C-alpha atoms as a PDB file:
ATOM      1  CA  UNK A   1     -43.446 -34.765 -10.129  1.00  0.00           C
ATOM      2  CA  UNK A   2     -44.952 -33.051 -12.477  1.00  0.00           C
ATOM      3  CA  UNK A   3     -45.480 -30.401 -10.130  1.00  0.00           C
ATOM      4  CA  UNK A   4     -42.315 -30.437  -9.679  1.00  0.00           C
ATOM      5  CA  UNK A   5     -41.631 -30.185 -13.316  1.00  0.00           C
ATOM      6  CA  UNK A   6     -43.552 -26.471 -13.382  1.00  0.00           C
ATOM      7  CA  UNK A   7     -41.769 -24.995 -10.839  1.00  0.00           C
ATOM      8  CA  UNK A   8     -38.851 -25.666 -12.537  1.00  0.00           C
ATOM      9  CA  UNK A   9     -40.871 -24.143 -16.549  1.00  0.00           C
ATOM     10  CA  UNK A  10     -41.389 -21.255 -14.669  1.00  0.00           C
ATOM     11  CA  UNK A  11     -37.628 -20.387 -13.035  1.00  0.00           C
ATOM     12  CA  UNK A  12     -36.492 -21.243 -17.311  1.00  0.00           C
ATOM     13  CA  UNK A  13     -38.982 -18.576 -17.935  1.00  0.00           C
ATOM     14  CA  UNK A  14     -38.274 -16.472 -15.140  1.00  0.00           C
ATOM     15  CA  UNK A  15     -34.150 -16.568 -16.412  1.00  0.00           C
ATOM     16  CA  UNK A  16     -35.111 -16.388 -20.197  1.00  0.00           C
ATOM     17  CA  UNK A  17     -37.334 -12.769 -19.340  1.00  0.00           C
ATOM     18  CA  UNK A  18     -33.815 -11.655 -17.999  1.00  0.00           C
ATOM     19  CA  UNK A  19     -32.455 -11.904 -20.227  1.00  0.00           C
ATOM     20  CA  UNK A  20     -33.927 -10.435 -22.826  1.00  0.00           C
ATOM     21  CA  UNK A  21     -34.231  -7.280 -20.601  1.00  0.00           C
ATOM     22  CA  UNK A  22     -30.668  -7.002 -20.473  1.00  0.00           C
ATOM     23  CA  UNK A  23     -30.040  -7.651 -23.614  1.00  0.00           C
ATOM     24  CA  UNK A  24     -32.452  -4.738 -24.670  1.00  0.00           C
ATOM     25  CA  UNK A  25     -31.013  -1.452 -23.252  1.00  0.00           C
ATOM     26  CA  UNK A  26     -30.030   0.979 -24.856  1.00  0.00           C
ATOM     27  CA  UNK A  27     -26.558   1.653 -23.655  1.00  0.00           C
ATOM     28  CA  UNK A  28     -26.570   4.883 -25.734  1.00  0.00           C
ATOM     29  CA  UNK A  29     -29.392   6.404 -23.190  1.00  0.00           C
ATOM     30  CA  UNK A  30     -28.238   9.436 -21.659  1.00  0.00           C
ATOM     31  CA  UNK A  31     -30.541   8.447 -18.147  1.00  0.00           C
ATOM     32  CA  UNK A  32     -28.283   5.236 -17.576  1.00  0.00           C
ATOM     33  CA  UNK A  33     -25.272   6.385 -15.343  1.00  0.00           C
ATOM     34  CA  UNK A  34     -21.824   5.438 -16.101  1.00  0.00           C
ATOM     35  CA  UNK A  35     -19.740   4.042 -13.102  1.00  0.00           C
ATOM     36  CA  UNK A  36     -16.119   6.432 -12.709  1.00  0.00           C
ATOM     37  CA  UNK A  37     -14.275   3.132 -11.243  1.00  0.00           C
ATOM     38  CA  UNK A  38     -11.571   4.776  -9.479  1.00  0.00           C
ATOM     39  CA  UNK A  39      -8.113   3.707  -6.935  1.00  0.00           C
ATOM     40  CA  UNK A  40      -6.357   5.789  -4.769  1.00  0.00           C
ATOM     41  CA  UNK A  41      -2.175   5.793  -4.843  1.00  0.00           C
ATOM     42  CA  UNK A  42       0.608   6.580  -2.792  1.00  0.00           C
ATOM     43  CA  UNK A  43       3.982   6.976  -3.990  1.00  0.00           C
ATOM     44  CA  UNK A  44       6.937   6.288  -1.380  1.00  0.00           C
ATOM     45  CA  UNK A  45      10.824   7.132  -3.066  1.00  0.00           C
ATOM     46  CA  UNK A  46      13.432   4.767  -1.014  1.00  0.00           C
ATOM     47  CA  UNK A  47      15.003   4.247  -4.905  1.00  0.00           C
ATOM     48  CA  UNK A  48      18.842   6.369  -3.643  1.00  0.00           C
ATOM     49  CA  UNK A  49      19.247   7.310  -6.527  1.00  0.00           C
ATOM     50  CA  UNK A  50      21.044  10.664  -6.437  1.00  0.00           C
ATOM     51  CA  UNK A  51      17.755  12.327  -8.048  1.00  0.00           C
ATOM     52  CA  UNK A  52      13.879  12.506  -7.546  1.00  0.00           C
ATOM     53  CA  UNK A  53      11.884  10.280  -9.320  1.00  0.00           C
ATOM     54  CA  UNK A  54       9.084  11.362 -11.536  1.00  0.00           C
ATOM     55  CA  UNK A  55       5.607   9.190 -11.454  1.00  0.00           C
ATOM     56  CA  UNK A  56       3.994   9.287 -14.887  1.00  0.00           C
ATOM     57  CA  UNK A  57       0.673   7.063 -15.341  1.00  0.00           C
ATOM     58  CA  UNK A  58      -0.523   6.562 -18.724  1.00  0.00           C
ATOM     59  CA  UNK A  59       1.695   9.561 -20.726  1.00  0.00           C
ATOM     60  CA  UNK A  60       0.121  11.604 -17.830  1.00  0.00           C
ATOM     61  CA  UNK A  61       2.391  13.234 -15.281  1.00  0.00           C
ATOM     62  CA  UNK A  62       0.843  12.673 -11.712  1.00  0.00           C
ATOM     63  CA  UNK A  63       3.899  13.693  -8.823  1.00  0.00           C
ATOM     64  CA  UNK A  64       7.385  13.790  -7.681  1.00  0.00           C
ATOM     65  CA  UNK A  65       8.972  12.905  -5.400  1.00  0.00           C
ATOM     66  CA  UNK A  66      11.987  13.144  -3.148  1.00  0.00           C
ATOM     67  CA  UNK A  67      14.248  10.574  -1.895  1.00  0.00           C
ATOM     68  CA  UNK A  68      12.773   9.476   1.597  1.00  0.00           C
ATOM     69  CA  UNK A  69       9.580  10.711   1.133  1.00  0.00           C
ATOM     70  CA  UNK A  70       5.997   9.902  -0.755  1.00  0.00           C
ATOM     71  CA  UNK A  71       3.954  11.837  -3.088  1.00  0.00           C
ATOM     72  CA  UNK A  72       0.041  13.295  -2.235  1.00  0.00           C
ATOM     73  CA  UNK A  73      -2.795  10.507  -2.022  1.00  0.00           C
ATOM     74  CA  UNK A  74      -2.896  10.577  -6.315  1.00  0.00           C
ATOM     75  CA  UNK A  75      -6.976  10.238  -7.342  1.00  0.00           C
ATOM     76  CA  UNK A  76      -7.059   7.204 -10.198  1.00  0.00           C
ATOM     77  CA  UNK A  77      -8.358   4.848 -12.930  1.00  0.00           C
ATOM     78  CA  UNK A  78      -9.269   1.304 -11.560  1.00  0.00           C
ATOM     79  CA  UNK A  79      -8.077  -1.271 -14.171  1.00  0.00           C
ATOM     80  CA  UNK A  80      -4.842  -1.871 -15.679  1.00  0.00           C
ATOM     81  CA  UNK A  81      -1.949   1.190 -16.148  1.00  0.00           C
ATOM     82  CA  UNK A  82       0.659   2.038 -17.659  1.00  0.00           C
ATOM     83  CA  UNK A  83       3.186   3.601 -15.062  1.00  0.00           C
ATOM     84  CA  UNK A  84       6.387   5.655 -16.223  1.00  0.00           C
ATOM     85  CA  UNK A  85       8.928   6.317 -13.202  1.00  0.00           C
ATOM     86  CA  UNK A  86      11.833   8.319 -13.873  1.00  0.00           C
ATOM     87  CA  UNK A  87      15.474   9.966 -12.892  1.00  0.00           C
ATOM     88  CA  UNK A  88      16.843  11.863 -14.378  1.00  0.00           C
ATOM     89  CA  UNK A  89      17.534  10.531 -17.808  1.00  0.00           C
ATOM     90  CA  UNK A  90      16.846   6.736 -17.080  1.00  0.00           C
ATOM     91  CA  UNK A  91      13.415   5.771 -16.398  1.00  0.00           C
ATOM     92  CA  UNK A  92      11.024   2.235 -16.220  1.00  0.00           C
ATOM     93  CA  UNK A  93       7.743   0.784 -17.022  1.00  0.00           C
ATOM     94  CA  UNK A  94       5.317  -1.437 -15.700  1.00  0.00           C
ATOM     95  CA  UNK A  95       2.162  -2.232 -15.299  1.00  0.00           C
ATOM     96  CA  UNK A  96       0.296  -2.957 -12.696  1.00  0.00           C
ATOM     97  CA  UNK A  97      -4.152  -3.441 -11.786  1.00  0.00           C
ATOM     98  CA  UNK A  98      -5.749  -1.537  -9.440  1.00  0.00           C
ATOM     99  CA  UNK A  99      -8.672  -2.685  -7.825  1.00  0.00           C
ATOM    100  CA  UNK A 100     -11.051  -0.535  -7.425  1.00  0.00           C
ATOM    101  CA  UNK A 101     -12.673   1.286  -4.606  1.00  0.00           C
ATOM    102  CA  UNK A 102      -9.189   0.639  -2.867  1.00  0.00           C
ATOM    103  CA  UNK A 103      -5.963   2.060  -1.573  1.00  0.00           C
ATOM    104  CA  UNK A 104      -2.412   1.609  -2.609  1.00  0.00           C
ATOM    105  CA  UNK A 105       0.730   2.379  -1.394  1.00  0.00           C
ATOM    106  CA  UNK A 106       4.047   1.934  -4.004  1.00  0.00           C
ATOM    107  CA  UNK A 107       7.546   1.698  -3.294  1.00  0.00           C
ATOM    108  CA  UNK A 108      10.097   2.449  -5.202  1.00  0.00           C
ATOM    109  CA  UNK A 109      13.420  -0.087  -3.538  1.00  0.00           C
ATOM    110  CA  UNK A 110      16.223   1.075  -5.270  1.00  0.00           C
ATOM    111  CA  UNK A 111      18.914  -2.055  -4.230  1.00  0.00           C
ATOM    112  CA  UNK A 112      22.775  -0.562  -3.399  1.00  0.00           C
ATOM    113  CA  UNK A 113      24.309  -3.978  -3.725  1.00  0.00           C
ATOM    114  CA  UNK A 114      23.691  -4.156  -7.453  1.00  0.00           C
ATOM    115  CA  UNK A 115      23.716  -0.199  -8.255  1.00  0.00           C
ATOM    116  CA  UNK A 116      21.498   2.456  -8.716  1.00  0.00           C
ATOM    117  CA  UNK A 117      20.164   1.016 -11.397  1.00  0.00           C
ATOM    118  CA  UNK A 118      18.236  -1.836 -10.603  1.00  0.00           C
ATOM    119  CA  UNK A 119      14.936  -0.424  -9.122  1.00  0.00           C
ATOM    120  CA  UNK A 120      12.308  -2.805  -7.710  1.00  0.00           C
ATOM    121  CA  UNK A 121       8.722  -1.686  -6.874  1.00  0.00           C
ATOM    122  CA  UNK A 122       6.306  -3.162  -4.842  1.00  0.00           C
ATOM    123  CA  UNK A 123       2.128  -2.165  -5.033  1.00  0.00           C
ATOM    124  CA  UNK A 124       0.435  -2.523  -1.555  1.00  0.00           C
ATOM    125  CA  UNK A 125      -3.725  -2.850  -1.043  1.00  0.00           C
ATOM    126  CA  UNK A 126      -3.599  -1.009   1.889  1.00  0.00           C
ATOM    127  CA  UNK A 127      -6.981  -0.616   2.501  1.00  0.00           C
ATOM    128  CA  UNK A 128     -10.315   0.111   1.662  1.00  0.00           C
ATOM    129  CA  UNK A 129     -10.954   3.431   0.051  1.00  0.00           C
ATOM    130  CA  UNK A 130     -13.904   3.634   1.986  1.00  0.00           C
ATOM    131  CA  UNK A 131     -13.231   2.252   5.398  1.00  0.00           C
ATOM    132  CA  UNK A 132     -12.865   4.633   8.372  1.00  0.00           C
ATOM    133  CA  UNK A 133      -9.313   6.097   9.458  1.00  0.00           C
ATOM    134  CA  UNK A 134      -9.413   4.568  12.875  1.00  0.00           C
ATOM    135  CA  UNK A 135     -11.135   4.578  15.779  1.00  0.00           C
ATOM    136  CA  UNK A 136     -11.930   7.616  18.334  1.00  0.00           C
ATOM    137  CA  UNK A 137      -8.603   8.287  20.605  1.00  0.00           C
ATOM    138  CA  UNK A 138      -6.572   5.950  18.083  1.00  0.00           C
ATOM    139  CA  UNK A 139      -4.110   5.386  15.848  1.00  0.00           C
ATOM    140  CA  UNK A 140      -3.442   2.302  13.596  1.00  0.00           C
ATOM    141  CA  UNK A 141      -0.102   1.783  13.079  1.00  0.00           C
ATOM    142  CA  UNK A 142       1.401  -0.938  10.454  1.00  0.00           C
ATOM    143  CA  UNK A 143       5.143  -1.774   9.781  1.00  0.00           C
ATOM    144  CA  UNK A 144       6.876  -2.393   5.827  1.00  0.00           C
ATOM    145  CA  UNK A 145      10.375  -3.449   5.475  1.00  0.00           C
ATOM    146  CA  UNK A 146      11.294  -1.548   2.689  1.00  0.00           C
ATOM    147  CA  UNK A 147      15.333  -2.408   3.026  1.00  0.00           C
ATOM    148  CA  UNK A 148      17.290  -3.842   0.527  1.00  0.00           C
ATOM    149  CA  UNK A 149      19.677  -4.686   2.976  1.00  0.00           C
ATOM    150  CA  UNK A 150      19.595  -8.664   2.951  1.00  0.00           C
ATOM    151  CA  UNK A 151      23.025  -9.904   2.988  1.00  0.00           C
ATOM    152  CA  UNK A 152      23.626  -7.267   6.022  1.00  0.00           C
ATOM    153  CA  UNK A 153      21.761  -5.766   9.015  1.00  0.00           C
ATOM    154  CA  UNK A 154      18.429  -7.117   7.667  1.00  0.00           C
ATOM    155  CA  UNK A 155      19.391 -10.418   6.588  1.00  0.00           C
ATOM    156  CA  UNK A 156      16.623 -12.747   7.945  1.00  0.00           C
ATOM    157  CA  UNK A 157      14.107 -10.355   8.275  1.00  0.00           C
ATOM    158  CA  UNK A 158      13.043  -7.888  11.531  1.00  0.00           C
ATOM    159  CA  UNK A 159      11.072  -7.642  13.829  1.00  0.00           C
ATOM    160  CA  UNK A 160       8.539  -5.212  14.975  1.00  0.00           C
ATOM    161  CA  UNK A 161       8.240  -4.044  18.610  1.00  0.00           C
ATOM    162  CA  UNK A 162       5.831  -1.777  19.730  1.00  0.00           C
ATOM    163  CA  UNK A 163       5.729  -0.488  23.140  1.00  0.00           C
ATOM    164  CA  UNK A 164       3.515   1.047  25.249  1.00  0.00           C
ATOM    165  CA  UNK A 165       3.899   2.556  28.419  1.00  0.00           C
ATOM    166  CA  UNK A 166       6.376   0.054  29.864  1.00  0.00           C
ATOM    167  CA  UNK A 167       5.129  -2.918  28.011  1.00  0.00           C
ATOM    168  CA  UNK A 168       6.596  -4.447  25.271  1.00  0.00           C
ATOM    169  CA  UNK A 169       4.201  -6.536  21.821  1.00  0.00           C
ATOM    170  CA  UNK A 170       6.344  -7.880  19.566  1.00  0.00           C
ATOM    171  CA  UNK A 171       4.046  -7.258  16.250  1.00  0.00           C
ATOM    172  CA  UNK A 172       6.167  -9.678  13.830  1.00  0.00           C
ATOM    173  CA  UNK A 173       9.267 -11.340  13.553  1.00  0.00           C
ATOM    174  CA  UNK A 174      11.320 -12.091  10.475  1.00  0.00           C
ATOM    175  CA  UNK A 175       9.819  -9.659   8.380  1.00  0.00           C
ATOM    176  CA  UNK A 176      11.492 -10.080   4.697  1.00  0.00           C
ATOM    177  CA  UNK A 177      11.693  -7.300   2.324  1.00  0.00           C
ATOM    178  CA  UNK A 178       8.837  -5.978   0.118  1.00  0.00           C
ATOM    179  CA  UNK A 179       6.673  -7.362   3.086  1.00  0.00           C
ATOM    180  CA  UNK A 180       4.390  -5.460   5.748  1.00  0.00           C
ATOM    181  CA  UNK A 181       1.922  -6.725   8.638  1.00  0.00           C
ATOM    182  CA  UNK A 182      -0.872  -6.159   9.145  1.00  0.00           C
ATOM    183  CA  UNK A 183      -3.288  -2.928  11.627  1.00  0.00           C
ATOM    184  CA  UNK A 184      -2.388  -2.348  15.133  1.00  0.00           C
ATOM    185  CA  UNK A 185      -4.884  -0.078  17.465  1.00  0.00           C
ATOM    186  CA  UNK A 186      -3.060   1.528  19.285  1.00  0.00           C
ATOM    187  CA  UNK A 187      -4.423   4.357  21.780  1.00  0.00           C
ATOM    188  CA  UNK A 188      -3.333   7.645  20.993  1.00  0.00           C
ATOM    189  CA  UNK A 189      -2.227   8.851  24.271  1.00  0.00           C
ATOM    190  CA  UNK A 190      -1.210   6.050  25.110  1.00  0.00           C
ATOM    191  CA  UNK A 191       2.561   7.392  23.488  1.00  0.00           C
ATOM    192  CA  UNK A 192       3.788   4.840  21.598  1.00  0.00           C
ATOM    193  CA  UNK A 193       7.394   3.641  21.138  1.00  0.00           C
ATOM    194  CA  UNK A 194       8.332   1.996  18.052  1.00  0.00           C
ATOM    195  CA  UNK A 195      11.582  -0.389  17.789  1.00  0.00           C
ATOM    196  CA  UNK A 196      13.136  -2.523  14.594  1.00  0.00           C
ATOM    197  CA  UNK A 197      15.461  -5.521  15.531  1.00  0.00           C
ATOM    198  CA  UNK A 198      17.776  -8.364  12.988  1.00  0.00           C
ATOM    199  CA  UNK A 199      16.739 -11.389  13.546  1.00  0.00           C
ATOM    200  CA  UNK A 200      19.088 -11.910  16.862  1.00  0.00           C
ATOM    201  CA  UNK A 201      16.863  -9.330  18.151  1.00  0.00           C
ATOM    202  CA  UNK A 202      19.098  -6.535  18.876  1.00  0.00           C
ATOM    203  CA  UNK A 203      18.143  -3.185  17.916  1.00  0.00           C
ATOM    204  CA  UNK A 204      18.241  -1.592  14.329  1.00  0.00           C
ATOM    205  CA  UNK A 205      16.364   1.401  15.392  1.00  0.00           C
ATOM    206  CA  UNK A 206      15.505   1.821  19.756  1.00  0.00           C
ATOM    207  CA  UNK A 207      12.246   3.566  20.950  1.00  0.00           C
ATOM    208  CA  UNK A 208      11.424   5.940  18.373  1.00  0.00           C
ATOM    209  CA  UNK A 209       8.221   7.457  20.016  1.00  0.00           C
ATOM    210  CA  UNK A 210       4.975   8.322  17.382  1.00  0.00           C
ATOM    211  CA  UNK A 211       3.620  10.495  19.669  1.00  0.00           C
ATOM    212  CA  UNK A 212       1.974  13.337  18.332  1.00  0.00           C
ATOM    213  CA  UNK A 213       0.587  11.697  15.643  1.00  0.00           C
ATOM    214  CA  UNK A 214      -3.095  12.915  14.406  1.00  0.00           C
ATOM    215  CA  UNK A 215      -5.686  10.241  14.392  1.00  0.00           C
ATOM    216  CA  UNK A 216      -5.558   8.238  11.252  1.00  0.00           C
ATOM    217  CA  UNK A 217      -3.684   5.239   9.632  1.00  0.00           C
ATOM    218  CA  UNK A 218       0.193   5.444  10.047  1.00  0.00           C
ATOM    219  CA  UNK A 219       2.554   3.179   8.299  1.00  0.00           C
ATOM    220  CA  UNK A 220       6.344   2.535   9.603  1.00  0.00           C
ATOM    221  CA  UNK A 221       8.689   1.865   6.950  1.00  0.00           C
ATOM    222  CA  UNK A 222      12.140   0.860   7.060  1.00  0.00           C
ATOM    223  CA  UNK A 223      14.536   1.963   4.301  1.00  0.00           C
ATOM    224  CA  UNK A 224      18.467   3.028   3.315  1.00  0.00           C
ATOM    225  CA  UNK A 225      20.879   0.314   4.180  1.00  0.00           C
ATOM    226  CA  UNK A 226      23.933  -0.225   6.184  1.00  0.00           C
ATOM    227  CA  UNK A 227      24.913   2.459   8.601  1.00  0.00           C
ATOM    228  CA  UNK A 228      22.223   4.414   6.521  1.00  0.00           C
ATOM    229  CA  UNK A 229      19.390   2.448   7.994  1.00  0.00           C
ATOM    230  CA  UNK A 230      16.435   5.034   8.679  1.00  0.00           C
ATOM    231  CA  UNK A 231      12.594   5.021   9.333  1.00  0.00           C
ATOM    232  CA  UNK A 232       9.806   6.858   8.014  1.00  0.00           C
ATOM    233  CA  UNK A 233       6.046   7.272   9.321  1.00  0.00           C
ATOM    234  CA  UNK A 234       4.157   7.496   6.371  1.00  0.00           C
ATOM    235  CA  UNK A 235       0.594   8.894   7.106  1.00  0.00           C
ATOM    236  CA  UNK A 236      -1.789   6.794   4.834  1.00  0.00           C
ATOM    237  CA  UNK A 237      -5.442   8.235   4.787  1.00  0.00           C
END
């Protein structure tokens, strides 16, 4: 029992020494490296406001994005940032926290049922910055539902199907507004096609080819509403 007591004492002394050493660090020492924590963000304008979307972060303009398009990937400081989204004379501001070493896709989505003045924003931590784009001879594909037509074609969510050759593979069903699937690995040589269905299994977007895409990560995004339902294929790395 006495031996155990000595072990505990040594352990406590060691902890005290560590704390003391940390307390003696000179933060003004130029030889101590300062870590610059960074995050990546791609902005996607799916807000059909009749004008482009300007994006500012902490008061600095970083992008202007047309409807149905995406910005370049923007390198930003991590932490809580102040975002401003401008549409002509109108604008929205919000704060969002960015994790260090993560890459985000940020969507702006308008709801036509309440007018273009209602825009919602969705931030997804899409992948780790230092992860590779895929594996040899493959693409990684995921799907995001950004259609606000929740009372129409996309009521009850949508399904996402990948077709490789003659085989259909249902990736997911019931995907609601603002939701996305995990990445699916597909051989680039397989000429994969995608189909998006409504809640009853009827095709809304039918057998669109992903052939010709370079190796990497892609996101198929459903947006718009009614007769203007569309998809975009975004390269996210």
